[in-house]
């Protein structure tokens, strides 16, 4: 019975693929994989990271938990109130460019519904 924690992916789909390939071979239905958040931002392919995590969760024998990181919280706060916290300004992207990088915002919100921290 193992617990594997994966965090701070930040849009690096190639690195995520390498980790998931190694981990997936050894997982059983008694194991748990916890994604610690920060799936988006900084790297070249945030949307692919979200897609791969959702696919891994659907196909894995292990129990998979996805948590929101601060970057996802920033994005969701900005979605609901752009004046409260400017996620797009912190990431140095216009909102149009950010949307192209991550795809529909709902994909990000759906990725972390297993366990969600309350945003302040």
C-alpha atoms as a PDB file:
ATOM      1  CA  UNK A   1       0.000   0.000   0.000  1.00  0.00           C
ATOM      2  CA  UNK A   2       1.850   3.088  -1.291  1.00  0.00           C
ATOM      3  CA  UNK A   3       1.050   6.777  -1.466  1.00  0.00           C
ATOM      4  CA  UNK A   4       2.674   8.755  -4.267  1.00  0.00           C
ATOM      5  CA  UNK A   5       2.625  12.570  -4.244  1.00  0.00           C
ATOM      6  CA  UNK A   6       3.142  14.575  -7.435  1.00  0.00           C
ATOM      7  CA  UNK A   7       3.259  18.357  -7.328  1.00  0.00           C
ATOM      8  CA  UNK A   8       4.300  21.565  -9.053  1.00  0.00           C
ATOM      9  CA  UNK A   9       3.818  20.371 -12.614  1.00  0.00           C
ATOM     10  CA  UNK A  10       3.370  23.954 -13.880  1.00  0.00           C
ATOM     11  CA  UNK A  11       2.463  23.088 -17.453  1.00  0.00           C
ATOM     12  CA  UNK A  12       5.385  20.738 -18.125  1.00  0.00           C
ATOM     13  CA  UNK A  13       3.570  17.912 -19.894  1.00  0.00           C
ATOM     14  CA  UNK A  14       6.752  16.068 -20.913  1.00  0.00           C
ATOM     15  CA  UNK A  15       7.963  15.815 -17.317  1.00  0.00           C
ATOM     16  CA  UNK A  16       4.490  14.777 -16.150  1.00  0.00           C
ATOM     17  CA  UNK A  17       4.373  12.045 -18.803  1.00  0.00           C
ATOM     18  CA  UNK A  18       7.752  10.705 -17.645  1.00  0.00           C
ATOM     19  CA  UNK A  19       6.640  10.582 -14.002  1.00  0.00           C
ATOM     20  CA  UNK A  20       3.281   8.988 -14.794  1.00  0.00           C
ATOM     21  CA  UNK A  21       4.932   6.365 -16.978  1.00  0.00           C
ATOM     22  CA  UNK A  22       7.230   5.316 -14.131  1.00  0.00           C
ATOM     23  CA  UNK A  23       4.524   5.387 -11.469  1.00  0.00           C
ATOM     24  CA  UNK A  24       1.757   3.679 -13.452  1.00  0.00           C
ATOM     25  CA  UNK A  25       3.732   0.454 -13.933  1.00  0.00           C
ATOM     26  CA  UNK A  26       3.899  -0.262 -10.220  1.00  0.00           C
ATOM     27  CA  UNK A  27       0.504   0.910  -8.949  1.00  0.00           C
ATOM     28  CA  UNK A  28      -2.128  -1.418  -7.559  1.00  0.00           C
ATOM     29  CA  UNK A  29      -5.698  -0.854  -6.454  1.00  0.00           C
ATOM     30  CA  UNK A  30      -4.374  -0.484  -2.877  1.00  0.00           C
ATOM     31  CA  UNK A  31      -2.232   2.555  -3.738  1.00  0.00           C
ATOM     32  CA  UNK A  32      -3.039   6.272  -3.755  1.00  0.00           C
ATOM     33  CA  UNK A  33      -1.661   8.960  -6.042  1.00  0.00           C
ATOM     34  CA  UNK A  34      -2.078  12.529  -4.809  1.00  0.00           C
ATOM     35  CA  UNK A  35      -1.618  15.426  -7.220  1.00  0.00           C
ATOM     36  CA  UNK A  36      -0.682  18.385  -5.031  1.00  0.00           C
ATOM     37  CA  UNK A  37      -1.788  21.170  -7.366  1.00  0.00           C
ATOM     38  CA  UNK A  38      -0.055  23.811  -9.445  1.00  0.00           C
ATOM     39  CA  UNK A  39      -0.824  21.994 -12.688  1.00  0.00           C
ATOM     40  CA  UNK A  40      -1.006  25.209 -14.696  1.00  0.00           C
ATOM     41  CA  UNK A  41       1.150  28.243 -15.436  1.00  0.00           C
ATOM     42  CA  UNK A  42       4.819  28.734 -16.302  1.00  0.00           C
ATOM     43  CA  UNK A  43       5.292  25.718 -18.568  1.00  0.00           C
ATOM     44  CA  UNK A  44       4.433  25.423 -22.247  1.00  0.00           C
ATOM     45  CA  UNK A  45       1.375  23.154 -22.015  1.00  0.00           C
ATOM     46  CA  UNK A  46      -0.935  23.575 -19.028  1.00  0.00           C
ATOM     47  CA  UNK A  47      -3.937  22.196 -20.879  1.00  0.00           C
ATOM     48  CA  UNK A  48      -2.117  18.971 -21.758  1.00  0.00           C
ATOM     49  CA  UNK A  49      -1.207  18.537 -18.092  1.00  0.00           C
ATOM     50  CA  UNK A  50      -4.849  18.846 -17.052  1.00  0.00           C
ATOM     51  CA  UNK A  51      -5.900  16.408 -19.778  1.00  0.00           C
ATOM     52  CA  UNK A  52      -3.246  13.866 -18.768  1.00  0.00           C
ATOM     53  CA  UNK A  53      -4.164  14.046 -15.085  1.00  0.00           C
ATOM     54  CA  UNK A  54      -7.852  13.517 -15.910  1.00  0.00           C
ATOM     55  CA  UNK A  55      -6.959  10.596 -18.181  1.00  0.00           C
ATOM     56  CA  UNK A  56      -4.667   9.097 -15.535  1.00  0.00           C
ATOM     57  CA  UNK A  57      -7.425   9.392 -12.924  1.00  0.00           C
ATOM     58  CA  UNK A  58      -9.910   7.660 -15.243  1.00  0.00           C
ATOM     59  CA  UNK A  59      -7.558   4.813 -16.192  1.00  0.00           C
ATOM     60  CA  UNK A  60      -5.519   4.199 -13.041  1.00  0.00           C
ATOM     61  CA  UNK A  61      -6.056   1.213 -10.780  1.00  0.00           C
ATOM     62  CA  UNK A  62      -4.959   3.361  -7.845  1.00  0.00           C
ATOM     63  CA  UNK A  63      -7.109   5.860  -5.979  1.00  0.00           C
ATOM     64  CA  UNK A  64      -6.302   9.313  -7.407  1.00  0.00           C
ATOM     65  CA  UNK A  65      -6.763  12.563  -5.457  1.00  0.00           C
ATOM     66  CA  UNK A  66      -6.393  15.962  -7.123  1.00  0.00           C
ATOM     67  CA  UNK A  67      -5.900  19.075  -5.017  1.00  0.00           C
ATOM     68  CA  UNK A  68      -6.016  22.707  -6.017  1.00  0.00           C
ATOM     69  CA  UNK A  69      -2.753  24.591  -5.840  1.00  0.00           C
ATOM     70  CA  UNK A  70      -2.377  28.317  -5.472  1.00  0.00           C
ATOM     71  CA  UNK A  71      -2.139  28.806  -9.255  1.00  0.00           C
ATOM     72  CA  UNK A  72      -5.507  27.107  -9.794  1.00  0.00           C
ATOM     73  CA  UNK A  73      -6.991  29.131  -6.936  1.00  0.00           C
ATOM     74  CA  UNK A  74      -5.720  32.353  -8.556  1.00  0.00           C
ATOM     75  CA  UNK A  75      -7.277  31.372 -11.871  1.00  0.00           C
ATOM     76  CA  UNK A  76     -10.635  30.518 -10.290  1.00  0.00           C
ATOM     77  CA  UNK A  77     -10.666  33.730  -8.228  1.00  0.00           C
ATOM     78  CA  UNK A  78      -9.958  35.773 -11.336  1.00  0.00           C
ATOM     79  CA  UNK A  79     -12.688  33.938 -13.223  1.00  0.00           C
ATOM     80  CA  UNK A  80     -15.245  34.943 -10.589  1.00  0.00           C
ATOM     81  CA  UNK A  81     -13.893  38.449  -9.866  1.00  0.00           C
ATOM     82  CA  UNK A  82     -11.139  39.822 -12.125  1.00  0.00           C
ATOM     83  CA  UNK A  83     -10.666  42.806  -9.817  1.00  0.00           C
ATOM     84  CA  UNK A  84      -9.938  40.704  -6.705  1.00  0.00           C
ATOM     85  CA  UNK A  85      -6.854  38.898  -7.914  1.00  0.00           C
ATOM     86  CA  UNK A  86      -5.276  39.277 -11.314  1.00  0.00           C
ATOM     87  CA  UNK A  87      -4.061  35.802 -12.159  1.00  0.00           C
ATOM     88  CA  UNK A  88      -3.405  36.786 -15.757  1.00  0.00           C
ATOM     89  CA  UNK A  89      -1.274  39.773 -14.739  1.00  0.00           C
ATOM     90  CA  UNK A  90       0.800  37.662 -12.340  1.00  0.00           C
ATOM     91  CA  UNK A  91       1.434  35.159 -15.100  1.00  0.00           C
ATOM     92  CA  UNK A  92       2.330  37.891 -17.600  1.00  0.00           C
ATOM     93  CA  UNK A  93      -0.286  36.719 -20.094  1.00  0.00           C
ATOM     94  CA  UNK A  94      -3.305  38.392 -21.538  1.00  0.00           C
ATOM     95  CA  UNK A  95      -6.482  36.523 -20.727  1.00  0.00           C
ATOM     96  CA  UNK A  96      -6.812  35.430 -24.375  1.00  0.00           C
ATOM     97  CA  UNK A  97      -3.295  33.993 -24.378  1.00  0.00           C
ATOM     98  CA  UNK A  98      -3.846  32.315 -21.026  1.00  0.00           C
ATOM     99  CA  UNK A  99      -7.046  30.701 -22.299  1.00  0.00           C
ATOM    100  CA  UNK A 100      -5.232  29.339 -25.356  1.00  0.00           C
ATOM    101  CA  UNK A 101      -2.589  27.802 -23.076  1.00  0.00           C
ATOM    102  CA  UNK A 102      -5.000  26.073 -20.696  1.00  0.00           C
ATOM    103  CA  UNK A 103      -8.125  25.673 -22.765  1.00  0.00           C
ATOM    104  CA  UNK A 104     -11.537  26.236 -21.252  1.00  0.00           C
ATOM    105  CA  UNK A 105     -11.351  27.411 -17.662  1.00  0.00           C
ATOM    106  CA  UNK A 106     -13.878  24.760 -16.714  1.00  0.00           C
ATOM    107  CA  UNK A 107     -11.288  22.069 -17.479  1.00  0.00           C
ATOM    108  CA  UNK A 108      -9.094  23.486 -14.732  1.00  0.00           C
ATOM    109  CA  UNK A 109     -11.977  23.714 -12.289  1.00  0.00           C
ATOM    110  CA  UNK A 110     -13.073  20.154 -13.029  1.00  0.00           C
ATOM    111  CA  UNK A 111      -9.562  18.784 -12.553  1.00  0.00           C
ATOM    112  CA  UNK A 112      -9.513  19.464  -8.850  1.00  0.00           C
ATOM    113  CA  UNK A 113     -12.994  18.545  -7.704  1.00  0.00           C
ATOM    114  CA  UNK A 114     -11.877  15.520  -5.645  1.00  0.00           C
ATOM    115  CA  UNK A 115     -10.601  17.689  -2.841  1.00  0.00           C
ATOM    116  CA  UNK A 116     -10.782  21.443  -2.925  1.00  0.00           C
ATOM    117  CA  UNK A 117      -9.309  23.922  -0.495  1.00  0.00           C
ATOM    118  CA  UNK A 118     -11.449  26.940   0.266  1.00  0.00           C
ATOM    119  CA  UNK A 119     -10.006  30.076  -1.353  1.00  0.00           C
ATOM    120  CA  UNK A 120      -9.553  32.940   1.120  1.00  0.00           C
END
